[in-house]
């Protein structure tokens, strides 16, 4: 699916990525827009502001 989308010049977004292995697999297959708990768990607005100020 990733290869088909890339060949049609569509962006592919992977959601729900939780592990380094999942991240590596997706990147190896050409998916570079990734979100999920691997990066951050849900945060409050205050926590996000602290992160952005860092």
C-alpha atoms as a PDB file:
ATOM      1  CA  UNK A   1       0.000   0.000   0.000  1.00  0.00           C
ATOM      2  CA  UNK A   2       2.836   2.383   0.843  1.00  0.00           C
ATOM      3  CA  UNK A   3       4.545   1.711  -2.492  1.00  0.00           C
ATOM      4  CA  UNK A   4       1.319   2.260  -4.431  1.00  0.00           C
ATOM      5  CA  UNK A   5       0.617   5.523  -2.610  1.00  0.00           C
ATOM      6  CA  UNK A   6       4.176   6.737  -3.158  1.00  0.00           C
ATOM      7  CA  UNK A   7       4.019   5.874  -6.862  1.00  0.00           C
ATOM      8  CA  UNK A   8       0.899   8.037  -7.116  1.00  0.00           C
ATOM      9  CA  UNK A   9       2.680  10.861  -5.232  1.00  0.00           C
ATOM     10  CA  UNK A  10       0.378  10.575  -2.234  1.00  0.00           C
ATOM     11  CA  UNK A  11       1.595  11.103   1.307  1.00  0.00           C
ATOM     12  CA  UNK A  12       1.264   8.138   3.622  1.00  0.00           C
ATOM     13  CA  UNK A  13       0.634   8.692   7.325  1.00  0.00           C
ATOM     14  CA  UNK A  14       1.217   5.821   9.738  1.00  0.00           C
ATOM     15  CA  UNK A  15      -0.747   6.145  12.960  1.00  0.00           C
ATOM     16  CA  UNK A  16      -0.353   4.220  16.178  1.00  0.00           C
ATOM     17  CA  UNK A  17       3.374   3.524  15.941  1.00  0.00           C
ATOM     18  CA  UNK A  18       4.588   2.336  19.333  1.00  0.00           C
ATOM     19  CA  UNK A  19       7.958   0.628  18.815  1.00  0.00           C
ATOM     20  CA  UNK A  20      11.310   1.266  17.140  1.00  0.00           C
ATOM     21  CA  UNK A  21      10.804  -1.897  15.085  1.00  0.00           C
ATOM     22  CA  UNK A  22       7.529  -0.546  13.682  1.00  0.00           C
ATOM     23  CA  UNK A  23       9.170   2.796  12.937  1.00  0.00           C
ATOM     24  CA  UNK A  24      12.116   1.166  11.165  1.00  0.00           C
ATOM     25  CA  UNK A  25       9.858  -1.067   9.075  1.00  0.00           C
ATOM     26  CA  UNK A  26       7.676   1.831   7.968  1.00  0.00           C
ATOM     27  CA  UNK A  27      10.668   3.994   7.075  1.00  0.00           C
ATOM     28  CA  UNK A  28      12.277   1.130   5.125  1.00  0.00           C
ATOM     29  CA  UNK A  29       9.095   0.862   3.071  1.00  0.00           C
ATOM     30  CA  UNK A  30       8.969   4.580   2.300  1.00  0.00           C
ATOM     31  CA  UNK A  31       6.590   5.903   4.938  1.00  0.00           C
ATOM     32  CA  UNK A  32       8.057   9.016   6.525  1.00  0.00           C
ATOM     33  CA  UNK A  33       5.054  10.672   8.186  1.00  0.00           C
ATOM     34  CA  UNK A  34       4.587   8.802  11.424  1.00  0.00           C
ATOM     35  CA  UNK A  35       2.729   9.446  14.640  1.00  0.00           C
ATOM     36  CA  UNK A  36       2.074   7.469  17.750  1.00  0.00           C
ATOM     37  CA  UNK A  37       3.139   6.682  21.281  1.00  0.00           C
ATOM     38  CA  UNK A  38       6.680   5.977  20.060  1.00  0.00           C
ATOM     39  CA  UNK A  39       7.215   9.732  20.003  1.00  0.00           C
ATOM     40  CA  UNK A  40       4.905  10.983  22.757  1.00  0.00           C
ATOM     41  CA  UNK A  41       1.982   9.825  24.820  1.00  0.00           C
ATOM     42  CA  UNK A  42      -1.062  12.133  25.075  1.00  0.00           C
ATOM     43  CA  UNK A  43      -0.287  15.379  26.913  1.00  0.00           C
ATOM     44  CA  UNK A  44      -2.141  18.230  28.494  1.00  0.00           C
ATOM     45  CA  UNK A  45      -1.973  21.680  26.918  1.00  0.00           C
ATOM     46  CA  UNK A  46       0.413  22.796  29.673  1.00  0.00           C
ATOM     47  CA  UNK A  47       2.777  19.897  28.958  1.00  0.00           C
ATOM     48  CA  UNK A  48       2.768  20.717  25.247  1.00  0.00           C
ATOM     49  CA  UNK A  49       3.623  24.353  25.950  1.00  0.00           C
ATOM     50  CA  UNK A  50       6.575  23.271  28.109  1.00  0.00           C
ATOM     51  CA  UNK A  51       7.760  20.972  25.325  1.00  0.00           C
ATOM     52  CA  UNK A  52       7.473  23.713  22.702  1.00  0.00           C
ATOM     53  CA  UNK A  53       9.345  26.199  24.883  1.00  0.00           C
ATOM     54  CA  UNK A  54      12.282  23.799  25.335  1.00  0.00           C
END
